[in-house]
Protein backbone atom coordinates (compact mmCIF):
# COMPACT_ATOMS: atom_id res chain seq x y z
CA MET A 1 30.24 -20.12 -13.57
CA THR A 2 29.46 -21.19 -10.27
CA GLN A 3 30.33 -18.47 -8.17
CA GLN A 4 32.36 -19.24 -5.57
CA ILE A 5 31.02 -18.54 -1.81
CA SER A 6 32.42 -18.42 1.63
CA LEU A 7 29.26 -20.06 3.31
CA HIS A 8 29.91 -19.58 6.83
CA PHE A 9 30.71 -16.32 8.85
CA ALA A 10 30.21 -17.34 12.16
CA GLU A 11 32.60 -15.19 13.17
CA LEU A 12 30.57 -12.31 12.71
CA LYS A 13 28.01 -10.42 14.49
CA PRO A 14 25.07 -10.59 13.78
CA PRO A 15 22.97 -6.72 13.55
CA GLU A 16 20.97 -6.00 16.53
CA LEU A 17 17.21 -5.91 15.39
CA ARG A 18 15.57 -2.23 16.12
CA ASP A 19 12.80 -2.33 19.04
CA TYR A 20 9.75 -2.76 16.59
CA GLN A 21 11.45 -5.62 14.48
CA LEU A 22 11.75 -7.51 17.79
CA GLN A 23 8.20 -7.18 18.51
CA VAL A 24 7.16 -7.98 15.13
CA LYS A 25 9.24 -11.26 15.61
CA GLN A 26 7.80 -11.70 18.92
CA ASN A 27 3.99 -11.60 17.56
CA LEU A 28 4.97 -13.62 15.08
CA TYR A 29 5.90 -16.64 17.46
CA SER A 30 3.01 -16.06 19.75
CA LEU A 31 0.99 -16.74 16.67
CA ILE A 32 3.57 -19.79 15.64
CA ARG A 33 2.91 -21.24 19.33
CA SER A 34 -1.03 -20.86 19.17
CA GLY A 35 -0.97 -23.07 16.38
CA LYS A 36 -1.40 -21.11 12.68
CA ARG A 37 0.60 -22.40 10.38
CA LYS A 38 0.04 -19.79 7.33
CA ILE A 39 0.99 -16.19 8.40
CA LEU A 40 1.63 -12.96 6.74
CA THR A 41 3.88 -10.73 8.23
CA PHE A 42 3.60 -6.97 7.31
CA ALA A 43 6.57 -4.91 7.00
CA PRO A 44 6.80 -1.48 5.03
CA THR A 45 9.82 -0.43 2.55
CA GLY A 46 12.88 0.82 5.09
CA ALA A 47 11.62 -1.18 7.99
CA GLY A 48 14.25 -3.67 7.14
CA LYS A 49 11.94 -7.12 6.38
CA THR A 50 14.96 -8.69 4.66
CA ILE A 51 17.32 -8.40 8.18
CA LEU A 52 13.88 -9.49 10.28
CA ALA A 53 13.88 -12.81 7.88
CA ALA A 54 17.04 -13.51 8.79
CA GLN A 55 16.90 -13.60 12.23
CA ILE A 56 13.86 -15.75 12.10
CA VAL A 57 15.46 -18.00 9.70
CA ALA A 58 18.56 -17.96 11.84
CA ASP A 59 16.14 -19.03 15.07
CA ALA A 60 14.80 -21.76 12.47
CA ALA A 61 18.14 -22.98 12.09
CA SER A 62 19.78 -23.27 15.45
CA ARG A 63 16.62 -25.23 16.59
CA GLY A 64 17.68 -27.90 13.73
CA LYS A 65 15.06 -26.58 11.33
CA ARG A 66 15.36 -26.88 7.40
CA VAL A 67 14.24 -23.18 6.24
CA TRP A 68 13.51 -22.13 2.62
CA PHE A 69 13.55 -18.91 1.38
CA VAL A 70 11.76 -18.22 -1.51
CA VAL A 71 12.32 -14.63 -3.92
CA ASP A 72 10.41 -13.80 -6.55
CA LEU A 73 13.24 -12.48 -8.45
CA ASP A 74 16.70 -13.79 -9.08
CA ILE A 75 18.33 -10.99 -8.82
CA LEU A 76 16.96 -11.18 -5.38
CA ILE A 77 19.13 -13.84 -4.55
CA ALA A 78 22.68 -12.01 -4.20
CA GLN A 79 20.70 -9.09 -2.17
CA THR A 80 19.22 -11.85 0.19
CA TRP A 81 22.67 -13.69 0.62
CA ASP A 82 24.40 -10.62 1.58
CA LYS A 83 21.55 -10.09 4.51
CA PHE A 84 21.98 -13.91 5.83
CA LYS A 85 25.96 -14.11 5.63
CA LYS A 86 25.88 -11.11 8.48
CA PHE A 87 24.12 -12.90 10.64
CA GLY A 88 26.67 -16.56 10.09
CA LEU A 89 24.16 -18.59 8.16
CA GLU A 90 25.26 -21.32 6.35
CA CYS A 91 23.47 -21.39 2.87
CA GLY A 92 22.59 -23.44 0.08
CA PHE A 93 21.14 -22.35 -3.38
CA VAL A 94 18.35 -23.32 -6.01
CA LYS A 95 19.68 -21.05 -8.51
CA ALA A 96 22.00 -21.60 -11.61
CA GLY A 97 25.29 -20.26 -10.85
CA TRP A 98 25.07 -20.22 -7.55
CA SER A 99 26.53 -23.07 -4.80
CA GLU A 100 24.53 -26.00 -4.47
CA LYS A 101 24.47 -27.62 -1.26
CA PRO A 102 21.41 -29.20 -0.71
CA GLU A 103 22.88 -30.83 2.85
CA ALA A 104 22.49 -27.38 4.03
CA LEU A 105 19.97 -25.92 6.45
CA VAL A 106 19.05 -22.97 4.84
CA GLN A 107 18.38 -22.75 0.79
CA ILE A 108 18.14 -19.39 -0.68
CA ILE A 109 15.62 -20.59 -3.61
CA SER A 110 13.91 -18.98 -6.65
CA ALA A 111 10.94 -19.21 -7.62
CA GLN A 112 11.52 -19.36 -11.23
CA THR A 113 14.45 -21.95 -11.06
CA LEU A 114 12.70 -24.10 -8.80
CA ALA A 115 9.54 -24.07 -11.31
CA ARG A 116 11.55 -25.30 -13.69
CA ARG A 117 13.09 -27.72 -11.60
CA GLY A 118 10.05 -29.01 -9.80
CA LEU A 119 9.86 -31.12 -6.58
CA GLU A 120 10.35 -34.26 -7.20
CA ASN A 121 14.53 -34.45 -6.34
CA GLN A 122 13.82 -31.31 -3.32
CA ILE A 123 14.30 -32.07 0.37
CA PRO A 124 11.18 -30.97 2.16
CA PRO A 125 11.37 -28.02 4.28
CA ASP A 126 10.11 -27.33 7.66
CA VAL A 127 9.54 -23.82 7.69
CA VAL A 128 9.15 -21.44 4.42
CA LEU A 129 9.70 -17.92 4.24
CA LEU A 130 8.52 -16.33 1.08
CA ASP A 131 9.41 -13.14 0.22
CA GLU A 132 7.27 -10.45 -1.90
CA CYS A 133 4.62 -13.10 -0.95
CA HIS A 134 2.03 -10.87 -2.68
CA LYS A 135 3.18 -12.72 -5.87
CA THR A 136 5.45 -15.69 -4.82
CA ALA A 137 2.32 -16.91 -2.81
CA TRP A 138 0.33 -17.09 -5.86
CA THR A 139 2.62 -18.75 -7.87
CA THR A 140 1.99 -22.61 -9.66
CA ILE A 141 5.33 -24.23 -7.70
CA VAL A 142 4.35 -22.47 -4.04
CA ARG A 143 0.60 -23.19 -4.16
CA GLN A 144 1.73 -27.09 -5.13
CA MET A 145 4.14 -27.15 -1.83
CA MET A 146 1.73 -25.80 -0.47
CA GLY A 147 -1.17 -27.78 -0.75
CA GLU A 148 -0.02 -31.52 -1.92
CA TRP A 149 3.66 -31.51 -1.35
CA CYS A 150 4.80 -30.11 1.89
CA ARG A 151 1.21 -29.17 3.85
CA SER A 152 2.64 -29.66 6.72
CA ALA A 153 5.42 -27.18 6.84
CA LEU A 154 4.97 -23.26 8.64
CA TYR A 155 4.95 -21.01 6.09
CA VAL A 156 5.59 -17.02 6.92
CA GLY A 157 4.87 -14.40 4.30
CA LEU A 158 7.01 -11.34 3.81
CA THR A 159 5.84 -8.20 1.86
CA ALA A 160 5.66 -4.17 1.98
CA THR A 161 2.52 -4.49 -0.41
CA PRO A 162 0.17 -6.77 0.63
CA TRP A 163 -2.55 -6.46 -2.05
CA ARG A 164 -3.21 -8.23 -5.18
CA LEU A 165 -4.52 -6.80 -8.35
CA SER A 166 -7.33 -8.96 -9.05
CA LYS A 167 -10.39 -7.81 -7.37
CA ARG A 168 -11.06 -11.74 -6.66
CA GLN A 169 -7.98 -12.40 -5.05
CA GLY A 170 -7.03 -11.15 -1.49
CA MET A 171 -4.20 -12.13 1.13
CA GLY A 172 -6.59 -13.68 3.29
CA ASP A 173 -6.99 -16.55 0.21
CA ILE A 174 -3.73 -17.87 1.33
CA PHE A 175 -2.81 -16.76 5.04
CA ASP A 176 -4.80 -17.27 8.15
CA ALA A 177 -2.99 -14.62 10.27
CA LEU A 178 -1.57 -11.75 10.44
CA VAL A 179 1.75 -9.62 11.72
CA THR A 180 2.46 -6.10 11.22
CA ALA A 181 5.34 -3.82 11.70
CA PRO A 182 4.27 -0.53 12.38
CA MET A 183 2.78 1.61 9.63
CA PRO A 184 4.94 4.05 7.40
CA CYS A 185 3.49 7.56 9.31
CA GLU A 186 4.40 5.68 12.33
CA LEU A 187 7.87 4.88 10.99
CA MET A 188 8.38 8.36 9.88
CA ASP A 189 7.66 10.12 13.13
CA MET A 190 10.72 7.22 14.57
CA GLY A 191 12.72 8.44 12.02
CA PHE A 192 13.18 5.12 10.18
CA LEU A 193 11.40 6.85 7.26
CA VAL A 194 11.26 10.62 5.54
CA LYS A 195 8.56 12.13 4.72
CA PRO A 196 7.33 12.37 1.22
CA ALA A 197 6.35 16.02 0.00
CA TYR A 198 3.99 15.28 -3.22
CA TYR A 199 3.41 17.39 -6.62
CA GLY A 200 1.30 17.15 -9.06
CA ILE A 201 2.61 17.53 -12.90
CA PRO A 202 -0.09 17.46 -15.90
CA GLY A 203 0.44 14.57 -17.67
CA ALA A 204 -1.48 12.32 -20.72
CA ASP A 205 -4.81 11.88 -21.14
CA LEU A 206 -5.79 8.99 -20.58
CA LYS A 207 -9.18 8.82 -22.37
CA GLY A 208 -9.62 5.50 -24.47
CA VAL A 209 -6.73 3.76 -22.57
CA ARG A 210 -7.87 0.33 -22.17
CA THR A 211 -7.49 -1.68 -19.16
CA VAL A 212 -5.87 -5.24 -19.30
CA ALA A 213 -5.88 -7.68 -16.55
CA GLY A 214 -6.60 -5.02 -14.76
CA ASP A 215 -4.34 -2.55 -15.18
CA PHE A 216 -3.85 0.02 -17.90
CA SER A 217 -2.90 -1.49 -21.34
CA GLU A 218 0.88 -0.86 -21.67
CA SER A 219 0.32 -0.44 -25.49
CA ASP A 220 -1.77 2.07 -24.80
CA LEU A 221 -0.25 3.58 -21.78
CA ALA A 222 2.80 3.77 -24.26
CA ILE A 223 0.60 6.13 -27.36
CA ALA A 224 -0.46 7.97 -24.69
CA CYS A 225 2.71 8.69 -22.46
CA ASP A 226 5.88 8.41 -24.97
CA THR A 227 5.37 11.94 -26.45
CA SER A 228 7.76 14.76 -26.62
CA GLU A 229 5.58 17.46 -25.04
CA VAL A 230 4.82 14.80 -22.13
CA ILE A 231 7.81 13.92 -21.68
CA GLN A 232 9.68 17.65 -21.51
CA ARG A 233 7.15 18.77 -18.99
CA ILE A 234 8.66 15.89 -16.55
CA VAL A 235 11.83 18.00 -17.37
CA LYS A 236 11.02 21.22 -16.44
CA GLU A 237 9.49 20.24 -13.23
CA TRP A 238 12.10 18.72 -12.01
CA LEU A 239 14.35 21.43 -12.73
CA ARG A 240 12.34 23.52 -10.66
CA LEU A 241 11.99 21.02 -8.08
CA CYS A 242 14.37 18.60 -7.53
CA GLN A 243 17.80 19.76 -9.60
CA GLY A 244 20.98 18.25 -7.66
CA ARG A 245 18.67 15.49 -6.15
CA ARG A 246 19.39 11.77 -6.73
CA THR A 247 16.00 10.86 -9.13
CA ILE A 248 14.78 7.46 -9.53
CA VAL A 249 11.83 7.61 -12.60
CA PHE A 250 9.27 4.59 -13.41
CA ALA A 251 8.12 4.78 -17.02
CA VAL A 252 5.57 2.87 -19.23
CA ASN A 253 8.19 0.71 -21.29
CA ILE A 254 12.01 0.55 -21.92
CA PHE A 255 11.27 3.18 -25.16
CA HIS A 256 9.67 5.60 -22.65
CA SER A 257 12.11 5.13 -19.96
CA LYS A 258 14.63 5.37 -22.53
CA HIS A 259 13.76 8.77 -24.25
CA ILE A 260 12.57 10.39 -20.87
CA ARG A 261 17.05 9.81 -19.85
CA ASP A 262 17.46 11.39 -23.33
CA ALA A 263 15.41 14.21 -22.24
CA PHE A 264 17.42 14.78 -19.07
CA LEU A 265 20.83 14.06 -20.85
CA ARG A 266 19.91 17.15 -23.45
CA ALA A 267 19.01 19.14 -20.99
CA GLY A 268 22.93 18.81 -19.21
CA VAL A 269 21.88 16.72 -16.50
CA SER A 270 23.69 13.06 -16.12
CA ALA A 271 21.12 10.33 -16.63
CA GLU A 272 21.07 6.78 -17.38
CA HIS A 273 18.68 3.99 -18.13
CA VAL A 274 17.81 0.43 -16.39
CA ASP A 275 15.35 -2.55 -17.53
CA GLY A 276 13.98 -5.61 -16.66
CA THR A 277 16.27 -6.95 -19.46
CA MET A 278 19.45 -6.32 -18.16
CA THR A 279 21.29 -8.73 -15.82
CA GLY A 280 22.26 -7.50 -12.10
CA LYS A 281 25.76 -6.86 -13.40
CA GLN A 282 24.43 -4.61 -15.83
CA ARG A 283 22.55 -2.66 -13.66
CA GLN A 284 25.25 -2.54 -10.26
CA PRO A 285 27.22 0.06 -11.97
CA ILE A 286 24.44 2.24 -12.67
CA TYR A 287 23.08 1.46 -9.09
CA ASP A 288 27.04 2.70 -7.88
CA ARG A 289 27.12 5.68 -9.49
CA LEU A 290 23.47 7.16 -8.72
CA ALA A 291 24.76 6.28 -5.10
CA THR A 292 27.70 8.61 -5.52
CA GLY A 293 25.64 11.28 -7.28
CA GLU A 294 28.39 10.66 -10.57
CA THR A 295 24.67 10.04 -12.09
CA LEU A 296 22.07 11.95 -11.19
CA VAL A 297 18.58 10.34 -12.69
CA VAL A 298 18.07 7.11 -13.52
CA THR A 299 14.71 6.50 -15.67
CA SER A 300 13.61 2.22 -15.31
CA CYS A 301 11.19 -0.09 -16.61
CA GLN A 302 10.68 -3.54 -14.39
CA ALA A 303 13.59 -2.80 -12.71
CA LEU A 304 13.62 -0.34 -9.39
CA GLN A 305 9.97 -1.34 -7.93
CA GLU A 306 11.69 -4.59 -6.27
CA GLY A 307 15.41 -5.13 -5.29
CA PHE A 308 16.24 -1.90 -5.56
CA ASP A 309 18.16 -0.39 -2.75
CA VAL A 310 20.21 3.37 -2.83
CA PRO A 311 18.91 5.19 0.40
CA SER A 312 20.52 8.09 -1.10
CA VAL A 313 17.51 8.33 -3.54
CA SER A 314 15.46 11.68 -3.11
CA ALA A 315 13.38 12.12 -5.85
CA VAL A 316 10.86 9.75 -7.36
CA LEU A 317 9.44 10.37 -10.41
CA LEU A 318 6.05 8.50 -11.38
CA CYS A 319 5.51 8.71 -15.07
CA ARG A 320 3.81 4.70 -15.10
CA PRO A 321 -0.06 4.96 -14.52
CA THR A 322 -1.06 2.06 -12.76
CA LYS A 323 -4.36 0.73 -11.18
CA SER A 324 -2.17 -1.26 -8.58
CA LYS A 325 -2.22 -0.18 -5.33
CA ALA A 326 0.94 -2.69 -4.40
CA LEU A 327 3.61 -1.07 -7.33
CA TYR A 328 2.28 2.60 -6.43
CA PHE A 329 3.52 1.73 -2.74
CA GLN A 330 6.30 0.07 -3.97
CA GLN A 331 7.62 2.76 -6.17
CA ILE A 332 7.21 5.26 -3.49
CA GLY A 333 8.91 3.03 -0.80
CA ARG A 334 12.28 3.39 -3.21
CA GLY A 335 13.05 6.58 -2.11
CA LEU A 336 11.72 6.81 1.57
CA ARG A 337 14.94 5.43 3.35
CA ILE A 338 16.94 7.01 5.72
CA HIS A 339 20.41 8.06 4.69
CA PRO A 340 22.22 10.11 7.44
CA GLU A 341 25.43 10.63 5.52
CA SER A 342 23.67 13.19 2.99
CA GLU A 343 21.54 15.01 5.35
CA LYS A 344 18.81 13.65 3.25
CA THR A 345 15.15 14.77 5.27
CA ASP A 346 12.14 14.39 2.34
CA CYS A 347 11.82 12.80 -0.99
CA VAL A 348 10.02 14.63 -3.26
CA VAL A 349 7.21 12.62 -5.23
CA LEU A 350 6.45 14.03 -8.49
CA ASP A 351 3.31 12.34 -10.17
CA GLN A 352 2.62 13.04 -13.69
CA ALA A 353 0.72 9.39 -13.64
CA GLY A 354 -2.16 10.32 -11.54
CA ASN A 355 -1.48 7.60 -9.23
CA VAL A 356 -1.38 9.72 -5.73
CA LYS A 357 -4.81 11.20 -6.43
CA ARG A 358 -5.60 7.35 -7.48
CA PHE A 359 -4.54 5.88 -3.96
CA GLY A 360 -3.58 8.48 -1.72
CA PHE A 361 -0.58 9.45 0.36
CA VAL A 362 1.29 6.51 1.73
CA GLU A 363 1.72 8.04 5.11
CA ASP A 364 -2.51 7.68 5.17
CA LEU A 365 -1.74 3.81 5.65
CA ARG A 366 -3.56 2.90 8.66
CA ARG A 367 -4.51 -1.04 8.71
CA ILE A 368 -3.70 -4.20 6.68
CA SER A 369 -6.30 -6.34 6.45
CA LEU A 370 -6.43 -10.33 5.17
CA THR A 371 -9.50 -9.87 4.05
CA GLU A 372 -9.11 -7.15 1.18
CA GLY A 373 -9.33 -9.02 -2.28
CA SER A 374 -8.91 -6.09 -4.15
CA ASP A 375 -6.22 -3.53 -4.42
CA ALA A 376 -7.97 -1.04 -6.30
CA GLN A 377 -8.92 2.20 -4.53
CA LYS A 378 -12.43 2.54 -3.02
CA GLY A 379 -14.13 5.90 -2.59
CA GLU A 380 -12.89 9.42 -3.32
CA VAL A 381 -8.80 9.69 -2.28
CA PRO A 382 -9.00 13.04 -0.56
CA VAL A 383 -6.35 14.73 -2.33
CA LYS A 384 -6.31 18.34 -3.91
CA ASP A 385 -3.58 20.62 -5.79
CA CYS A 386 -1.79 23.58 -4.43
CA PRO A 387 -2.68 26.06 -7.73
CA GLU A 388 0.24 28.00 -6.85
CA CYS A 389 3.08 25.36 -6.93
CA GLU A 390 1.48 22.39 -7.74
CA ALA A 391 1.81 20.41 -4.54
CA LEU A 392 -0.30 17.79 -3.78
CA LEU A 393 -2.11 18.03 -0.39
CA HIS A 394 -4.78 16.42 2.04
CA ILE A 395 -8.15 17.96 1.32
CA SER A 396 -8.15 18.85 4.96
CA VAL A 397 -4.53 21.16 4.56
CA MET A 398 -6.08 25.17 4.00
CA ARG A 399 -2.42 26.26 3.92
CA CYS A 400 0.06 25.03 1.51
CA PRO A 401 3.44 24.12 3.66
CA SER A 402 5.29 24.67 0.36
CA CYS A 403 4.50 27.77 -1.25
CA GLY A 404 1.76 29.43 1.94
CA TYR A 405 -0.94 29.35 -0.40
CA GLU A 406 -3.88 30.35 1.51
CA PHE A 407 -7.29 28.24 0.35
CA PRO A 408 -10.69 29.55 0.53
CA ALA A 409 -12.90 28.50 3.18
CA PRO A 410 -15.02 26.24 2.04
CA GLU A 411 -18.95 26.78 1.60
CA LYS A 412 -20.95 25.49 4.55
CA VAL A 413 -23.35 23.05 3.16
CA ALA A 414 -26.26 22.22 5.42
CA PRO A 415 -26.48 18.06 6.18
CA THR A 416 -30.11 18.05 4.16
CA GLN A 417 -28.88 20.33 0.91
CA LYS A 418 -25.97 17.81 0.91
CA LEU A 419 -28.19 15.05 0.86
CA GLU A 420 -30.28 16.21 -1.71
CA ARG A 421 -27.28 17.05 -4.31
CA LEU A 422 -26.24 13.45 -4.24
CA LEU A 423 -29.63 12.27 -5.18
CA ARG A 424 -30.76 10.88 -8.37
CA LYS A 425 -33.37 12.83 -9.89
CA GLU A 426 -35.33 9.37 -9.51
CA ASP A 427 -34.30 9.38 -5.88
CA LYS A 428 -35.81 12.22 -4.78
CA PRO A 429 -39.79 11.57 -4.16
CA LYS A 430 -38.65 8.61 -2.30
CA PHE A 431 -36.17 10.77 -0.12
CA HIS A 432 -38.76 13.05 0.57
CA PHE A 433 -40.97 10.21 1.66
CA PHE A 434 -39.33 8.49 3.70
CA ARG A 435 -38.70 11.15 5.42
CA GLU A 436 -42.38 12.47 5.91
CA GLN A 437 -42.59 8.72 8.17
CA ILE A 438 -40.03 9.24 9.91
CA LYS A 439 -41.40 12.87 11.15
CA ALA A 440 -44.68 11.01 11.26
CA GLY A 441 -43.83 7.96 13.19
CA PHE A 442 -41.57 10.73 15.87
CA GLN A 443 -45.41 12.69 16.36
CA LYS A 444 -47.24 8.95 17.04
CA HIS A 445 -44.43 7.53 19.14
CA TYR A 446 -43.84 4.86 16.73
CA ALA A 447 -40.30 3.59 17.26
CA PRO A 448 -37.87 5.07 14.46
CA GLU A 449 -37.89 1.58 12.64
CA TRP A 450 -41.53 1.67 11.59
CA ALA A 451 -40.63 4.37 9.08
CA SER A 452 -38.28 2.30 7.34
CA CYS A 453 -40.69 -0.91 7.38
CA ARG A 454 -43.27 2.05 5.55
CA PHE A 455 -40.76 2.45 2.83
CA LYS A 456 -40.44 -0.87 2.30
CA GLU A 457 -43.80 -1.76 2.17
CA GLU A 458 -44.35 1.07 -0.58
CA TYR A 459 -40.91 0.65 -2.60
CA GLU A 460 -40.32 -2.92 -1.94
CA PHE A 461 -36.63 -1.95 -0.43
CA TYR A 462 -35.02 -0.25 2.67
CA PRO A 463 -33.89 2.82 2.97
CA PRO A 464 -30.15 4.10 3.08
CA ASP A 465 -29.36 4.81 6.82
CA ASP A 466 -28.22 8.55 6.01
CA TRP A 467 -31.56 9.82 4.67
CA ARG A 468 -32.58 9.93 8.03
CA ARG A 469 -29.87 12.74 9.08
CA ALA A 470 -31.74 15.95 10.07
CA ALA A 471 -35.60 14.31 9.11
CA ILE A 472 -37.37 15.17 12.02
CA PHE A 473 -35.63 18.70 13.71
CA GLY A 474 -34.01 19.68 10.59
CA ASP A 475 -30.72 21.86 10.27
CA ASN A 476 -30.35 23.41 13.48
CA PRO A 477 -31.47 21.49 16.41
CA THR A 478 -31.38 23.02 19.37
CA ASP A 479 -30.24 21.42 23.17
CA ASP A 480 -34.17 21.30 23.60
CA ASN A 481 -34.64 19.11 20.61
CA ARG A 482 -31.73 17.11 21.36
CA LEU A 483 -33.08 16.44 24.86
CA THR A 484 -36.60 15.52 23.52
CA TYR A 485 -35.38 13.11 20.90
CA TRP A 486 -33.23 11.22 23.57
CA ASN A 487 -36.04 10.99 26.19
CA TYR A 488 -38.08 9.85 23.17
CA LEU A 489 -35.81 7.33 22.23
CA ALA A 490 -35.17 6.01 25.83
CA ALA A 491 -38.54 5.64 26.59
CA ILE A 492 -39.23 3.31 23.40
CA ALA A 493 -35.94 1.07 24.35
CA GLN A 494 -37.39 0.77 27.68
CA HIS A 495 -40.80 -0.42 26.70
CA LYS A 496 -39.21 -2.64 23.39
CA GLY A 497 -36.34 -3.85 25.96
CA LYS A 498 -33.83 -2.38 23.51
CA THR A 499 -30.03 -1.63 24.45
CA ARG A 500 -28.38 2.58 25.06
CA THR A 501 -26.05 1.38 22.33
CA TRP A 502 -29.49 0.98 20.55
CA ALA A 503 -30.57 4.47 21.72
CA GLU A 504 -27.33 6.42 20.65
CA ARG A 505 -26.92 5.01 17.50
CA GLN A 506 -30.63 5.98 16.60
CA TRP A 507 -30.22 9.77 18.06
CA ARG A 508 -26.71 9.98 15.74
CA PHE A 509 -28.62 9.06 12.80
CA GLU A 510 -31.13 12.17 13.31
CA PHE A 511 -28.01 14.67 14.57
CA GLY A 512 -25.17 13.20 13.24
CA PHE A 513 -22.30 10.67 13.85
CA ASP A 514 -20.10 13.88 14.80
CA GLU A 515 -22.32 14.16 17.54
CA GLU A 516 -22.42 13.19 21.14
CA GLY A 517 -25.65 11.13 22.27
CA GLY A 518 -27.18 10.59 25.54
CA GLU A 519 -28.38 12.47 28.01
CA ALA A 520 -28.48 16.39 27.89
């Protein structure tokens, strides 16, 4: 049956945007005026992305523009409409069971429904907002829109997780400009998100778990993770660290989720299960009971990472290992919303999946790029375990804030020793040859590049720059050594027409990039 919807709420006063939301909107409009037509807008979970989008839609509709708001999941239709009606927007819908009003300037569209119906009978829009654009922008129907069918429209992508799982895909493949809201750490400092407290839980052994389509194989994960021993550890740690907190759990599959639910019930904890096969009407009563505290734990599979909004949740259990940075950020973001009514001050993250060590802390995110083609973590994440309470901490923390454990002072390793430890056995002769050439070049007053050229003649490739560290003066240089080397570089720079920046860079190759280059 078609839902009966009142389509006009002009008498309602629209929500007021926060200062940073106004700034995001202003930056977006500046890019539009400059001629950009495909703009990515990043706003972390809890930043008020849909309210910001509703204001953008309202602005466009007030100018007579025809606007499409495209959502990834059918369940997001109702949530979007709930926000849009607060702005007095008259909307039509492209979604079975919802009132169709094709003449309305604003259309809330299910990408799934649009793909089934096609574009032939649709009125082309002037403005398209793509919700969860890290997914919707890659759907076949949206690519058709952006390509042949409606190339001239303005496209604004909205997401809290601007990463693709495929290493061959990046947001810059589709969008040509970027607008960012404050990073998660900034929103925490402003008081718009709570800070997470991370704890690691021993989990499944992932040896032998295959990778399929860029992520861990679900069938292999189910075998590794869905065991009584692993599940009982989840309940035990929750009782130790999260008792009384409203909690959501991310599981591998439906069976795993139900088994975790059953383990909580056996422990006397009120728990329920949701999954992606359930309708919104089936899920909502469960969410309502979680919000009131009647239910303390909701376990899930493919149901909570998008479109879930229960701000009173203050514990997140990660029980599904993943290689998707987007999925990881979505899951933790579900627990970071503020909830003044419950005096919520933080969110405990219990990680049995190893995802925190795989991707790092959410609050460490500092920048977003259009050019990043992979959401796989690059390099080692600076995370360590507290041996006393199992808190996950930044590698630089020397005293655990949760239990007070004092970490022993790290061993001091000289730069040369550190370099040699990292070398493969076959590279050590090349390493020492290069450093001998650096010393010889310095003694002969040759430019530093001479040693690299000698190495290239010998081995047919150029050596890494970090092999130059402490090659001339060793690991304990004096101030006189630093001054001598600076004068040597300054003389070469003057003779060869090099800049001061060149000299400072060469100086730091010898003494390290944490030193201040320049005249003593």
